[in-house]
Amino acid sequence: MHVRHLSIGDFRSYQTADLPLEPGATTLIGLNGQGKTNLVEAIGYVASLSSHRVATDQPLVRFGTDRAIVRAAVVRDERETLVELEITPGQANRAKLNRSPLPRTRDVLGTLRTVLFAPEDLALVKGDPGGRRRFLDDLLVQRQPRWAGVRSDYEKILRQRGALLKSASALLGSGRGRRRRSPSLPDGVDPAEATADAVRTLDVWDEHLATVGSQLLYARLRLLRDLTPLLQEAYREVSANQSEATAVYRSSLHEEAAEAIAAGEVPEVEALQTMVRESLARVRDQEIERGVNLVGPHRDDLVLGLGPMPAKGYASHGESWSFALGLRLAAYQLLRRDLGDDPVLVLDDVFAELDSGRRERLATLIADCEQVLITAAVPDDVPESLAGARFVVTLGEVAPA
């Protein structure tokens, strides 16, 4: 799999840009702020419908315009597919495959697969749990695009159930004489009766959360089981460090279930669904009191370690970089193994952050990838073994080096 051509319009700093690409290594060279990362960001957006740099689409659209266009010609098994995306913040984005409109934008997922490593990935090791959850879920979608729908359904359930919990919490406060969160109730409505109604409705949303949440949790656990051996191998190879990289899933379920999962067990979906129900029942009073969802995949974490020590807070800067890079290389190898073809590997300003030893080891590890896209401020940062096509990016203009 590789991208043959990228075309963008009103995307980030570009009014228009065209980038012809070939298999092998391609390096985009330019000083910081010239727009080289914007190009690989556009390619990543085609693969994932999201940016590795921002959480919303608004910053992707050039200032003063209403929409951005991204087109990518993707070659897979010698067949070319044209993916076209229209990004319109505040409205539904639109997508086409080979000029034909699609009913849902997410139907393009799977046409292009990328694995992107960027300086932001250091947060996978040092940052909050949200980044690690997103890493797992993004990889799930890359592996099987249908998980995008499950993920979307789960987020909708959380929003609906969270709103109900806030309402029940406010009603409870009203019944107890707390003024600060008291809702406005119609005359004659008893806060206690209104709270009871909210709790009955909560039972329905508990079942929705247990059903969809257990599916997402099961998929994450299976993914982690498959990913961990590849992570350990990738970390050893890129770091030359004998410490073993570990990744343990920390669940928000009740203690017995969480311990079994942390030990590496992968219960079936039905068993997980029961565990979620039991956990929700145990924290019901706390959830209503606080007005938030306390149990489910959205509260979980992936605990990364080196030997017996947690990586977060104990790993050196170089070890943290190697761990983050190991996660991405493991994801690449997993997709390559499962899907039978190479994703596009994107290395955004990576080599400048690595010492010479790690640079050379990384170059050796990726030498057989079908397509590698690299951004660099300094050409000498990129090992000679990755010599290939080079483009210079200057103030939003792209030209062959």
Protein backbone atom coordinates (compact mmCIF):
# COMPACT_ATOMS: atom_id res chain seq x y z
CA MET A 1 0.00 0.00 0.00
CA HIS A 2 1.27 3.47 -0.83
CA VAL A 3 0.07 6.98 -1.64
CA ARG A 4 0.81 7.94 -5.24
CA HIS A 5 -0.38 11.53 -5.06
CA LEU A 6 -1.64 13.99 -2.46
CA SER A 7 -3.60 17.13 -3.31
CA ILE A 8 -4.91 19.63 -0.76
CA GLY A 9 -6.88 22.85 -0.92
CA ASP A 10 -7.32 25.37 1.90
CA PHE A 11 -5.83 22.85 4.32
CA ARG A 12 -3.90 24.45 7.19
CA SER A 13 -1.45 26.96 5.69
CA TYR A 14 -1.92 25.83 2.08
CA GLN A 15 -4.16 27.42 -0.48
CA THR A 16 -3.27 24.54 -2.80
CA ALA A 17 -0.51 21.96 -2.94
CA ASP A 18 0.27 18.83 -4.90
CA LEU A 19 2.75 16.19 -3.81
CA PRO A 20 3.66 13.29 -6.13
CA LEU A 21 4.88 10.26 -4.21
CA GLU A 22 6.47 6.90 -4.91
CA PRO A 23 7.13 3.75 -2.89
CA GLY A 24 10.22 3.88 -0.73
CA ALA A 25 11.41 6.79 1.42
CA THR A 26 10.38 10.38 0.78
CA THR A 27 11.72 13.22 2.92
CA LEU A 28 10.09 16.64 3.27
CA ILE A 29 12.73 19.16 4.31
CA GLY A 30 11.98 22.58 5.76
CA LEU A 31 12.47 24.78 8.77
CA ASN A 32 9.86 24.69 11.51
CA GLY A 33 6.66 26.49 10.58
CA GLN A 34 7.04 26.07 6.81
CA GLY A 35 4.24 23.52 6.42
CA LYS A 36 5.92 20.13 6.06
CA THR A 37 3.99 18.56 8.94
CA ASN A 38 0.73 19.83 7.43
CA LEU A 39 1.29 17.56 4.43
CA VAL A 40 1.74 14.35 6.43
CA GLU A 41 -1.12 15.46 8.69
CA ALA A 42 -3.37 15.50 5.61
CA ILE A 43 -2.30 11.96 4.72
CA GLY A 44 -2.99 10.83 8.28
CA TYR A 45 -6.42 12.45 8.13
CA VAL A 46 -7.31 10.38 5.06
CA ALA A 47 -6.44 7.23 7.02
CA SER A 48 -8.08 8.07 10.35
CA LEU A 49 -10.45 11.04 9.81
CA SER A 50 -8.64 12.79 12.63
CA SER A 51 -5.48 14.79 13.26
CA HIS A 52 -2.59 13.76 15.47
CA ARG A 53 -2.13 17.42 16.44
CA VAL A 54 -5.60 18.81 17.27
CA ALA A 55 -8.87 17.42 18.59
CA THR A 56 -11.24 19.28 16.24
CA ASP A 57 -11.39 20.01 12.52
CA GLN A 58 -11.52 23.81 12.78
CA PRO A 59 -7.72 24.36 12.79
CA LEU A 60 -7.39 22.23 9.65
CA VAL A 61 -9.23 24.77 7.51
CA ARG A 62 -7.16 27.69 6.24
CA PHE A 63 -8.01 30.93 8.01
CA GLY A 64 -10.67 32.92 6.17
CA THR A 65 -12.12 29.93 4.30
CA ASP A 66 -15.07 27.67 5.04
CA ARG A 67 -13.80 24.25 4.08
CA ALA A 68 -10.70 22.22 3.24
CA ILE A 69 -10.26 19.56 0.55
CA VAL A 70 -7.93 16.58 0.77
CA ARG A 71 -7.46 14.13 -2.09
CA ALA A 72 -5.21 11.08 -2.02
CA ALA A 73 -4.60 8.50 -4.72
CA VAL A 74 -3.96 5.25 -2.86
CA VAL A 75 -2.44 2.22 -4.58
CA ARG A 76 -3.07 -1.20 -3.09
CA ASP A 77 -2.43 -4.51 -4.86
CA GLU A 78 -1.74 -2.51 -8.04
CA ARG A 79 -5.24 -0.98 -7.94
CA GLU A 80 -5.66 2.74 -7.41
CA THR A 81 -8.42 4.34 -5.36
CA LEU A 82 -9.05 8.09 -5.17
CA VAL A 83 -10.15 9.27 -1.73
CA GLU A 84 -11.67 12.76 -1.52
CA LEU A 85 -12.59 14.46 1.74
CA GLU A 86 -14.36 17.76 2.26
CA ILE A 87 -13.77 19.09 5.79
CA THR A 88 -16.39 21.61 6.90
CA PRO A 89 -16.23 22.50 10.63
CA GLY A 90 -19.64 22.78 12.23
CA GLN A 91 -21.25 20.66 9.52
CA ALA A 92 -21.09 17.07 8.38
CA ASN A 93 -17.91 16.31 6.46
CA ARG A 94 -18.31 14.61 3.09
CA ALA A 95 -16.34 11.83 1.40
CA LYS A 96 -16.02 10.27 -2.04
CA LEU A 97 -14.36 7.14 -3.31
CA ASN A 98 -13.43 7.20 -7.00
CA ARG A 99 -15.66 10.29 -7.43
CA SER A 100 -18.71 8.50 -5.94
CA PRO A 101 -20.23 10.10 -2.79
CA LEU A 102 -20.39 7.91 0.31
CA PRO A 103 -23.34 7.90 2.72
CA ARG A 104 -21.00 8.16 5.72
CA THR A 105 -17.56 9.74 5.92
CA ARG A 106 -16.24 6.84 7.97
CA ASP A 107 -16.88 4.50 5.04
CA VAL A 108 -13.47 5.57 3.69
CA LEU A 109 -11.71 4.02 6.68
CA GLY A 110 -9.54 1.12 5.65
CA THR A 111 -8.79 2.48 2.19
CA LEU A 112 -5.51 3.89 3.48
CA ARG A 113 -3.72 2.80 6.61
CA THR A 114 -0.92 4.78 8.17
CA VAL A 115 1.20 4.53 11.29
CA LEU A 116 2.48 7.93 12.34
CA PHE A 117 5.17 8.71 14.87
CA ALA A 118 5.54 12.33 15.94
CA PRO A 119 7.01 14.30 18.87
CA GLU A 120 3.52 14.38 20.39
CA ASP A 121 3.82 10.62 20.92
CA LEU A 122 6.07 11.18 23.92
CA ALA A 123 2.77 11.81 25.73
CA LEU A 124 1.93 8.13 25.25
CA VAL A 125 4.55 7.43 27.91
CA LYS A 126 4.54 10.61 29.98
CA GLY A 127 1.02 11.92 29.51
CA ASP A 128 -2.50 11.27 30.71
CA PRO A 129 -4.49 8.03 30.18
CA GLY A 130 -6.61 9.60 27.43
CA GLY A 131 -3.74 9.50 24.95
CA ARG A 132 -3.10 5.82 25.61
CA ARG A 133 -6.79 4.97 25.27
CA ARG A 134 -6.87 6.80 21.96
CA PHE A 135 -3.79 4.89 20.80
CA LEU A 136 -5.57 1.59 21.41
CA ASP A 137 -8.85 2.68 19.86
CA ASP A 138 -7.23 4.24 16.79
CA LEU A 139 -5.31 1.02 16.22
CA LEU A 140 -8.52 -0.97 16.60
CA VAL A 141 -10.12 1.05 13.82
CA GLN A 142 -7.05 0.68 11.62
CA ARG A 143 -7.18 -3.07 12.16
CA GLN A 144 -10.95 -3.37 11.66
CA PRO A 145 -12.81 -0.21 10.55
CA ARG A 146 -16.11 -1.45 12.01
CA TRP A 147 -14.85 -0.45 15.46
CA ALA A 148 -15.29 3.19 14.47
CA GLY A 149 -19.05 2.64 14.73
CA VAL A 150 -18.77 0.90 18.12
CA ARG A 151 -16.55 3.67 19.39
CA SER A 152 -19.03 6.32 18.20
CA ASP A 153 -21.96 4.46 19.80
CA TYR A 154 -20.12 4.23 23.11
CA GLU A 155 -19.37 7.95 23.13
CA LYS A 156 -23.04 8.72 22.50
CA ILE A 157 -24.06 6.47 25.38
CA LEU A 158 -21.61 8.23 27.68
CA ARG A 159 -23.03 11.63 26.76
CA GLN A 160 -26.64 10.55 27.30
CA ARG A 161 -25.92 8.69 30.50
CA GLY A 162 -23.70 11.50 31.80
CA ALA A 163 -26.47 14.05 31.23
CA LEU A 164 -28.90 11.81 33.12
CA LEU A 165 -26.48 11.40 36.02
CA LYS A 166 -26.03 15.17 36.26
CA SER A 167 -29.80 15.58 36.30
CA ALA A 168 -30.19 12.91 38.99
CA SER A 169 -27.39 14.50 41.03
CA ALA A 170 -29.09 17.89 40.80
CA LEU A 171 -32.43 16.40 41.80
CA LEU A 172 -30.80 14.67 44.74
CA GLY A 173 -29.29 17.98 45.81
CA SER A 174 -32.70 19.60 45.56
CA GLY A 175 -34.26 16.90 47.69
CA ARG A 176 -31.58 17.41 50.32
CA GLY A 177 -32.01 21.17 50.34
CA ARG A 178 -28.82 21.97 48.39
CA ARG A 179 -29.48 25.15 46.43
CA ARG A 180 -26.42 25.35 44.22
CA ARG A 181 -27.43 22.53 41.87
CA SER A 182 -31.18 22.49 42.30
CA PRO A 183 -33.01 22.08 38.98
CA SER A 184 -36.07 24.06 38.09
CA LEU A 185 -39.00 21.64 38.53
CA PRO A 186 -42.62 22.24 37.58
CA ASP A 187 -44.87 23.25 40.46
CA GLY A 188 -46.11 20.27 42.38
CA VAL A 189 -43.36 17.89 41.25
CA ASP A 190 -41.73 16.09 44.15
CA PRO A 191 -37.90 16.03 43.79
CA ALA A 192 -37.85 12.53 45.32
CA GLU A 193 -40.28 11.20 42.69
CA ALA A 194 -38.33 12.92 39.92
CA THR A 195 -35.12 11.35 41.24
CA ALA A 196 -36.74 7.90 41.24
CA ASP A 197 -37.81 8.37 37.62
CA ALA A 198 -34.28 9.37 36.66
CA VAL A 199 -32.88 6.30 38.38
CA ARG A 200 -35.29 4.02 36.51
CA THR A 201 -34.17 5.58 33.23
CA LEU A 202 -30.59 5.10 34.34
CA ASP A 203 -31.18 1.33 34.43
CA VAL A 204 -31.80 1.41 30.67
CA TRP A 205 -28.59 3.34 29.99
CA ASP A 206 -26.67 1.00 32.29
CA GLU A 207 -27.62 -1.84 29.96
CA HIS A 208 -26.57 0.13 26.90
CA LEU A 209 -23.22 0.94 28.48
CA ALA A 210 -22.67 -2.68 29.54
CA THR A 211 -23.52 -3.98 26.07
CA VAL A 212 -21.38 -1.63 24.01
CA GLY A 213 -18.68 -1.03 26.62
CA SER A 214 -18.01 -4.76 26.99
CA GLN A 215 -17.50 -5.05 23.23
CA LEU A 216 -14.99 -2.21 23.19
CA LEU A 217 -13.20 -3.57 26.25
CA TYR A 218 -12.98 -7.07 24.73
CA ALA A 219 -11.51 -5.66 21.53
CA ARG A 220 -8.91 -3.65 23.46
CA LEU A 221 -7.85 -6.65 25.52
CA ARG A 222 -7.44 -8.86 22.47
CA LEU A 223 -5.51 -6.11 20.73
CA LEU A 224 -3.17 -5.68 23.69
CA ARG A 225 -2.58 -9.44 23.88
CA ASP A 226 -1.47 -9.43 20.24
CA LEU A 227 0.49 -6.18 20.50
CA THR A 228 2.57 -6.83 23.61
CA PRO A 229 5.08 -9.34 22.15
CA LEU A 230 5.64 -7.03 19.18
CA LEU A 231 6.15 -4.07 21.55
CA GLN A 232 8.76 -5.97 23.54
CA GLU A 233 10.67 -6.90 20.40
CA ALA A 234 10.46 -3.41 18.90
CA TYR A 235 11.64 -1.76 22.11
CA ARG A 236 14.66 -4.07 22.38
CA GLU A 237 15.63 -3.42 18.78
CA VAL A 238 15.28 0.35 18.78
CA SER A 239 16.76 0.97 22.23
CA ALA A 240 19.39 -1.78 22.59
CA ASN A 241 18.13 -1.87 26.19
CA GLN A 242 17.73 -5.21 27.95
CA SER A 243 14.86 -4.02 30.15
CA GLU A 244 11.59 -5.60 29.12
CA ALA A 245 8.82 -3.29 27.96
CA THR A 246 5.45 -4.14 29.48
CA ALA A 247 1.90 -2.93 28.95
CA VAL A 248 -0.77 -3.80 31.51
CA TYR A 249 -4.44 -2.92 31.12
CA ARG A 250 -5.83 -1.16 34.20
CA SER A 251 -9.59 -1.50 34.19
CA SER A 252 -12.17 0.59 36.05
CA LEU A 253 -14.25 -2.52 36.77
CA HIS A 254 -14.62 -3.86 40.31
CA GLU A 255 -11.48 -5.15 42.00
CA GLU A 256 -11.78 -8.86 41.23
CA ALA A 257 -12.42 -8.25 37.53
CA ALA A 258 -9.69 -5.61 37.29
CA GLU A 259 -7.11 -7.93 38.84
CA ALA A 260 -7.93 -10.74 36.41
CA ILE A 261 -7.64 -8.37 33.44
CA ALA A 262 -4.36 -6.94 34.73
CA ALA A 263 -3.02 -10.49 34.95
CA GLY A 264 -3.61 -10.86 31.22
CA GLU A 265 -6.96 -12.64 31.12
CA VAL A 266 -9.25 -11.85 28.18
CA PRO A 267 -12.80 -12.80 29.28
CA GLU A 268 -15.44 -13.34 26.62
CA VAL A 269 -17.82 -10.48 25.80
CA GLU A 270 -20.70 -12.01 27.79
CA ALA A 271 -18.55 -12.31 30.92
CA LEU A 272 -17.30 -8.76 30.51
CA GLN A 273 -20.86 -7.52 30.10
CA THR A 274 -21.76 -9.10 33.45
CA MET A 275 -18.67 -7.53 35.05
CA VAL A 276 -19.66 -4.10 33.76
CA ARG A 277 -23.20 -4.50 35.13
CA GLU A 278 -21.88 -5.56 38.53
CA SER A 279 -19.42 -2.67 38.62
CA LEU A 280 -22.09 -0.15 37.71
CA ALA A 281 -24.32 -1.45 40.47
CA ARG A 282 -21.52 -1.05 43.01
CA VAL A 283 -20.85 2.60 42.14
CA ARG A 284 -24.45 3.69 41.45
CA ASP A 285 -24.68 5.90 44.54
CA GLN A 286 -21.29 7.51 43.85
CA GLU A 287 -22.20 8.21 40.24
CA ILE A 288 -25.46 9.89 41.18
CA GLU A 289 -23.79 11.86 43.96
CA ARG A 290 -21.02 13.11 41.63
CA GLY A 291 -23.00 13.23 38.39
CA VAL A 292 -20.37 11.45 36.27
CA ASN A 293 -19.76 8.08 34.59
CA LEU A 294 -17.30 6.18 36.79
CA VAL A 295 -17.10 2.76 35.09
CA GLY A 296 -16.24 1.77 31.54
CA PRO A 297 -13.50 1.81 28.91
CA HIS A 298 -13.40 5.63 29.05
CA ARG A 299 -11.98 5.39 32.61
CA ASP A 300 -9.32 2.75 31.86
CA ASP A 301 -5.58 3.12 31.37
CA LEU A 302 -2.69 1.31 29.77
CA VAL A 303 0.13 1.13 32.32
CA LEU A 304 3.50 1.05 30.55
CA GLY A 305 6.56 -0.30 32.31
CA LEU A 306 10.26 -1.06 31.91
CA GLY A 307 11.12 -4.12 33.92
CA PRO A 308 9.52 -3.79 37.37
CA MET A 309 9.19 0.01 37.19
CA PRO A 310 6.47 2.13 35.57
CA ALA A 311 7.77 4.00 32.55
CA LYS A 312 5.90 7.16 33.51
CA GLY A 313 8.03 9.04 36.01
CA TYR A 314 10.94 6.58 35.96
CA ALA A 315 12.04 6.17 32.33
CA SER A 316 14.74 8.52 31.07
CA HIS A 317 14.05 10.83 28.17
CA GLY A 318 15.77 8.45 25.75
CA GLU A 319 13.95 5.43 27.17
CA SER A 320 10.62 7.25 26.87
CA TRP A 321 11.33 8.05 23.22
CA SER A 322 12.28 4.44 22.56
CA PHE A 323 9.11 3.22 24.28
CA ALA A 324 6.86 5.53 22.29
CA LEU A 325 8.62 4.54 19.09
CA GLY A 326 8.30 0.88 20.09
CA LEU A 327 4.54 1.29 20.43
CA ARG A 328 4.26 2.70 16.91
CA LEU A 329 6.57 0.11 15.38
CA ALA A 330 4.61 -2.65 17.11
CA ALA A 331 1.38 -1.21 15.68
CA TYR A 332 2.99 -1.19 12.24
CA GLN A 333 4.07 -4.83 12.50
CA LEU A 334 0.64 -5.87 13.78
CA LEU A 335 -1.17 -4.24 10.86
CA ARG A 336 1.36 -5.65 8.40
CA ARG A 337 0.87 -9.16 9.80
CA ASP A 338 -2.91 -9.06 10.07
CA LEU A 339 -3.76 -7.26 6.85
CA GLY A 340 -1.13 -8.68 4.55
CA ASP A 341 0.21 -5.36 3.27
CA ASP A 342 2.32 -2.52 4.62
CA PRO A 343 0.68 0.58 6.04
CA VAL A 344 2.32 3.88 5.12
CA LEU A 345 4.84 4.76 7.83
CA VAL A 346 5.09 8.47 8.68
CA LEU A 347 7.96 9.83 10.78
CA ASP A 348 7.29 13.46 11.62
CA ASP A 349 10.37 15.30 12.96
CA VAL A 350 11.50 12.10 14.66
CA PHE A 351 15.17 11.78 13.77
CA ALA A 352 16.10 15.13 15.35
CA GLU A 353 14.95 13.75 18.70
CA LEU A 354 17.03 10.55 18.52
CA ASP A 355 20.73 10.04 19.15
CA SER A 356 22.85 8.60 16.36
CA GLY A 357 22.57 5.02 17.60
CA ARG A 358 18.78 5.08 17.74
CA ARG A 359 18.64 6.77 14.33
CA GLU A 360 20.61 3.99 12.69
CA ARG A 361 18.70 1.23 14.47
CA LEU A 362 15.40 2.79 13.43
CA ALA A 363 16.59 3.14 9.82
CA THR A 364 17.50 -0.55 9.78
CA LEU A 365 14.12 -1.57 11.21
CA ILE A 366 12.13 0.32 8.56
CA ALA A 367 14.32 -0.38 5.56
CA ASP A 368 11.84 -2.90 4.09
CA CYS A 369 8.68 -0.77 4.54
CA GLU A 370 6.84 -0.14 1.28
CA GLN A 371 6.48 3.60 1.83
CA VAL A 372 8.04 5.85 4.46
CA LEU A 373 7.29 9.58 4.66
CA ILE A 374 9.76 11.62 6.71
CA THR A 375 9.81 15.26 7.74
CA ALA A 376 13.03 16.90 8.87
CA ALA A 377 14.34 20.40 9.44
CA VAL A 378 17.92 19.35 8.73
CA PRO A 379 18.69 16.88 5.91
CA ASP A 380 21.66 15.43 7.80
CA ASP A 381 19.34 14.21 10.58
CA VAL A 382 18.00 11.51 8.21
CA PRO A 383 20.31 8.47 7.86
CA GLU A 384 21.83 7.97 4.43
CA SER A 385 20.30 4.49 4.25
CA LEU A 386 16.89 6.19 3.87
CA ALA A 387 17.97 8.23 0.87
CA GLY A 388 15.10 8.61 -1.55
CA ALA A 389 12.99 11.36 -3.04
CA ARG A 390 13.34 14.72 -1.30
CA PHE A 391 11.17 17.83 -1.39
CA VAL A 392 11.83 21.26 0.03
CA VAL A 393 8.92 22.96 1.81
CA THR A 394 9.11 26.76 2.09
CA LEU A 395 6.20 28.90 3.28
CA GLY A 396 3.61 26.50 1.95
CA GLU A 397 5.38 25.87 -1.36
CA VAL A 398 6.56 22.35 -2.20
CA ALA A 399 9.34 21.70 -4.72
CA PRO A 400 11.69 18.81 -5.51
CA ALA A 401 15.04 19.17 -3.72
